[in-house]
Amino acid sequence: QVHLVESGGGLVQPGGSLRLSCEVSGFVFSRAIMNWYRQAPGKERELVAGISSNGRGTAYADSVKGRFTISRDNTKNTLFLQMDSLKPEDTAFYYCNAQAGTVNYWGPGTQVTVSS
């Protein structure tokens, strides 16, 4: 059975940092392209960052480039998103996504709120 479980969300002040984690089981993590998406109230879900299966390739949305860093530990089946210099507009539910071949898997998400 496939499980993706995000953690690390919470309330942080503008300019602060958070580190999200996504622990995965039930498929071959090291072969999957992994992504972080987010969805703010009243907005569509958007791709924040993606990372290749071996971790050597990454891509970011323009809105987070230079502030967020995606990484993975294939020995621990875990995906990370380091978020620095957070802004109120980063407030959203953040979702872990796995592209395992032709199948997409999603976690339940974790809330990130940036507010003073």
C-alpha atoms as a PDB file:
ATOM      1  CA  GLN A   1       0.000   0.000   0.000  1.00  0.00           C
ATOM      2  CA  VAL A   2       1.307   3.434  -0.954  1.00  0.00           C
ATOM      3  CA  HIS A   3       1.777   6.068   1.719  1.00  0.00           C
ATOM      4  CA  LEU A   4       3.058   9.626   1.455  1.00  0.00           C
ATOM      5  CA  VAL A   5       3.028  11.571   4.692  1.00  0.00           C
ATOM      6  CA  GLU A   6       4.039  15.222   4.895  1.00  0.00           C
ATOM      7  CA  SER A   7       5.237  16.893   8.085  1.00  0.00           C
ATOM      8  CA  GLY A   8       6.914  20.087   9.196  1.00  0.00           C
ATOM      9  CA  GLY A   9       4.226  22.610   8.412  1.00  0.00           C
ATOM     10  CA  GLY A  10       3.092  25.264  10.848  1.00  0.00           C
ATOM     11  CA  LEU A  11       2.891  28.960  11.610  1.00  0.00           C
ATOM     12  CA  VAL A  12       5.940  31.111  10.959  1.00  0.00           C
ATOM     13  CA  GLN A  13       6.612  34.841  10.805  1.00  0.00           C
ATOM     14  CA  PRO A  14       7.541  36.539   7.542  1.00  0.00           C
ATOM     15  CA  GLY A  15      11.231  36.059   6.869  1.00  0.00           C
ATOM     16  CA  GLY A  16      11.291  32.807   8.792  1.00  0.00           C
ATOM     17  CA  SER A  17      12.057  29.256   7.711  1.00  0.00           C
ATOM     18  CA  LEU A  18      10.398  25.866   7.698  1.00  0.00           C
ATOM     19  CA  ARG A  19      11.510  22.454   6.521  1.00  0.00           C
ATOM     20  CA  LEU A  20       8.897  20.112   5.129  1.00  0.00           C
ATOM     21  CA  SER A  21       9.415  16.361   4.952  1.00  0.00           C
ATOM     22  CA  CYS A  22       7.552  13.666   3.061  1.00  0.00           C
ATOM     23  CA  GLU A  23       8.064  10.065   4.105  1.00  0.00           C
ATOM     24  CA  VAL A  24       7.172   7.544   1.445  1.00  0.00           C
ATOM     25  CA  SER A  25       6.440   3.826   1.342  1.00  0.00           C
ATOM     26  CA  GLY A  26       4.798   1.334  -0.969  1.00  0.00           C
ATOM     27  CA  PHE A  27       6.720   1.994  -4.187  1.00  0.00           C
ATOM     28  CA  VAL A  28      10.327   2.316  -5.334  1.00  0.00           C
ATOM     29  CA  PHE A  29      11.097   5.829  -4.140  1.00  0.00           C
ATOM     30  CA  SER A  30      14.506   5.975  -5.825  1.00  0.00           C
ATOM     31  CA  ARG A  31      12.880   5.594  -9.258  1.00  0.00           C
ATOM     32  CA  ALA A  32      10.229   8.265  -8.792  1.00  0.00           C
ATOM     33  CA  ILE A  33      10.305  11.900  -9.773  1.00  0.00           C
ATOM     34  CA  MET A  34       9.177  13.821  -6.715  1.00  0.00           C
ATOM     35  CA  ASN A  35       7.444  17.171  -6.477  1.00  0.00           C
ATOM     36  CA  TRP A  36       6.053  19.647  -3.986  1.00  0.00           C
ATOM     37  CA  TYR A  37       2.805  21.391  -4.859  1.00  0.00           C
ATOM     38  CA  ARG A  38       0.829  23.960  -2.933  1.00  0.00           C
ATOM     39  CA  GLN A  39      -2.700  25.264  -2.935  1.00  0.00           C
ATOM     40  CA  ALA A  40      -3.854  28.487  -1.353  1.00  0.00           C
ATOM     41  CA  PRO A  41      -7.516  29.190  -0.538  1.00  0.00           C
ATOM     42  CA  GLY A  42      -9.425  30.071  -3.671  1.00  0.00           C
ATOM     43  CA  LYS A  43      -6.504  29.256  -5.946  1.00  0.00           C
ATOM     44  CA  GLU A  44      -5.511  26.315  -8.103  1.00  0.00           C
ATOM     45  CA  ARG A  45      -2.878  23.848  -6.991  1.00  0.00           C
ATOM     46  CA  GLU A  46       0.535  24.899  -8.327  1.00  0.00           C
ATOM     47  CA  LEU A  47       3.863  23.154  -8.751  1.00  0.00           C
ATOM     48  CA  VAL A  48       6.446  24.579  -6.350  1.00  0.00           C
ATOM     49  CA  ALA A  49       9.491  22.399  -6.976  1.00  0.00           C
ATOM     50  CA  GLY A  50      10.510  19.095  -8.517  1.00  0.00           C
ATOM     51  CA  ILE A  51      13.484  16.768  -8.260  1.00  0.00           C
ATOM     52  CA  SER A  52      14.714  13.934 -10.455  1.00  0.00           C
ATOM     53  CA  SER A  53      14.894  10.367  -9.214  1.00  0.00           C
ATOM     54  CA  ASN A  54      18.622  10.563  -8.473  1.00  0.00           C
ATOM     55  CA  GLY A  55      18.402  14.064  -7.035  1.00  0.00           C
ATOM     56  CA  ARG A  56      20.715  15.639  -9.581  1.00  0.00           C
ATOM     57  CA  GLY A  57      18.046  17.644 -11.367  1.00  0.00           C
ATOM     58  CA  THR A  58      15.800  20.227  -9.719  1.00  0.00           C
ATOM     59  CA  ALA A  59      13.340  22.834 -10.899  1.00  0.00           C
ATOM     60  CA  TYR A  60      11.465  25.617  -9.135  1.00  0.00           C
ATOM     61  CA  ALA A  61       8.565  27.936  -9.684  1.00  0.00           C
ATOM     62  CA  ASP A  62       9.742  31.494 -10.283  1.00  0.00           C
ATOM     63  CA  SER A  63       7.940  32.626  -7.143  1.00  0.00           C
ATOM     64  CA  VAL A  64      10.139  30.472  -4.873  1.00  0.00           C
ATOM     65  CA  LYS A  65      13.418  30.373  -6.787  1.00  0.00           C
ATOM     66  CA  GLY A  66      16.329  31.330  -4.545  1.00  0.00           C
ATOM     67  CA  ARG A  67      14.278  30.852  -1.364  1.00  0.00           C
ATOM     68  CA  PHE A  68      13.206  27.202  -1.448  1.00  0.00           C
ATOM     69  CA  THR A  69      15.400  24.117  -1.853  1.00  0.00           C
ATOM     70  CA  ILE A  70      14.088  20.661  -2.723  1.00  0.00           C
ATOM     71  CA  SER A  71      16.143  17.593  -1.836  1.00  0.00           C
ATOM     72  CA  ARG A  72      15.732  13.889  -1.222  1.00  0.00           C
ATOM     73  CA  ASP A  73      17.328  11.037   0.687  1.00  0.00           C
ATOM     74  CA  ASN A  74      16.845   7.850  -1.299  1.00  0.00           C
ATOM     75  CA  THR A  75      18.286   5.777   1.551  1.00  0.00           C
ATOM     76  CA  LYS A  76      15.461   6.958   3.813  1.00  0.00           C
ATOM     77  CA  ASN A  77      12.661   7.267   1.240  1.00  0.00           C
ATOM     78  CA  THR A  78      12.192  10.888   2.227  1.00  0.00           C
ATOM     79  CA  LEU A  79      11.641  14.107   0.304  1.00  0.00           C
ATOM     80  CA  PHE A  80      12.394  17.536   1.752  1.00  0.00           C
ATOM     81  CA  LEU A  81      11.561  21.163   1.058  1.00  0.00           C
ATOM     82  CA  GLN A  82      13.646  23.786   2.829  1.00  0.00           C
ATOM     83  CA  MET A  83      11.748  27.056   2.790  1.00  0.00           C
ATOM     84  CA  ASP A  84      13.612  30.236   3.716  1.00  0.00           C
ATOM     85  CA  SER A  85      12.691  33.915   3.604  1.00  0.00           C
ATOM     86  CA  LEU A  86       9.048  32.960   3.798  1.00  0.00           C
ATOM     87  CA  LYS A  87       6.437  35.477   2.686  1.00  0.00           C
ATOM     88  CA  PRO A  88       2.734  35.762   3.510  1.00  0.00           C
ATOM     89  CA  GLU A  89       1.966  34.738  -0.075  1.00  0.00           C
ATOM     90  CA  ASP A  90       3.629  31.370   0.625  1.00  0.00           C
ATOM     91  CA  THR A  91       0.698  30.531   2.882  1.00  0.00           C
ATOM     92  CA  ALA A  92      -0.934  27.387   1.496  1.00  0.00           C
ATOM     93  CA  PHE A  93      -1.471  23.683   1.927  1.00  0.00           C
ATOM     94  CA  TYR A  94       1.675  21.918   0.709  1.00  0.00           C
ATOM     95  CA  TYR A  95       1.452  18.504  -0.941  1.00  0.00           C
ATOM     96  CA  CYS A  96       4.042  15.862  -1.709  1.00  0.00           C
ATOM     97  CA  ASN A  97       3.636  14.246  -5.140  1.00  0.00           C
ATOM     98  CA  ALA A  98       5.295  11.168  -6.607  1.00  0.00           C
ATOM     99  CA  GLN A  99       5.469  10.353 -10.302  1.00  0.00           C
ATOM    100  CA  ALA A 100       6.114   6.617 -10.308  1.00  0.00           C
ATOM    101  CA  GLY A 101       6.007   5.614 -13.951  1.00  0.00           C
ATOM    102  CA  THR A 102       2.539   6.465 -15.219  1.00  0.00           C
ATOM    103  CA  VAL A 103       1.029   6.696 -11.738  1.00  0.00           C
ATOM    104  CA  ASN A 104       0.768   9.805  -9.587  1.00  0.00           C
ATOM    105  CA  TYR A 105       0.591   9.534  -5.822  1.00  0.00           C
ATOM    106  CA  TRP A 106      -0.313  12.316  -3.386  1.00  0.00           C
ATOM    107  CA  GLY A 107       0.061  12.910   0.305  1.00  0.00           C
ATOM    108  CA  PRO A 108      -2.704  14.463   2.430  1.00  0.00           C
ATOM    109  CA  GLY A 109      -0.793  17.729   2.733  1.00  0.00           C
ATOM    110  CA  THR A 110       0.483  19.991   5.490  1.00  0.00           C
ATOM    111  CA  GLN A 111      -0.536  23.574   6.229  1.00  0.00           C
ATOM    112  CA  VAL A 112       2.016  26.367   6.073  1.00  0.00           C
ATOM    113  CA  THR A 113       0.945  29.755   7.374  1.00  0.00           C
ATOM    114  CA  VAL A 114       3.195  32.793   7.137  1.00  0.00           C
ATOM    115  CA  SER A 115       1.895  35.609   9.286  1.00  0.00           C
ATOM    116  CA  SER A 116       2.990  38.092  11.902  1.00  0.00           C
END
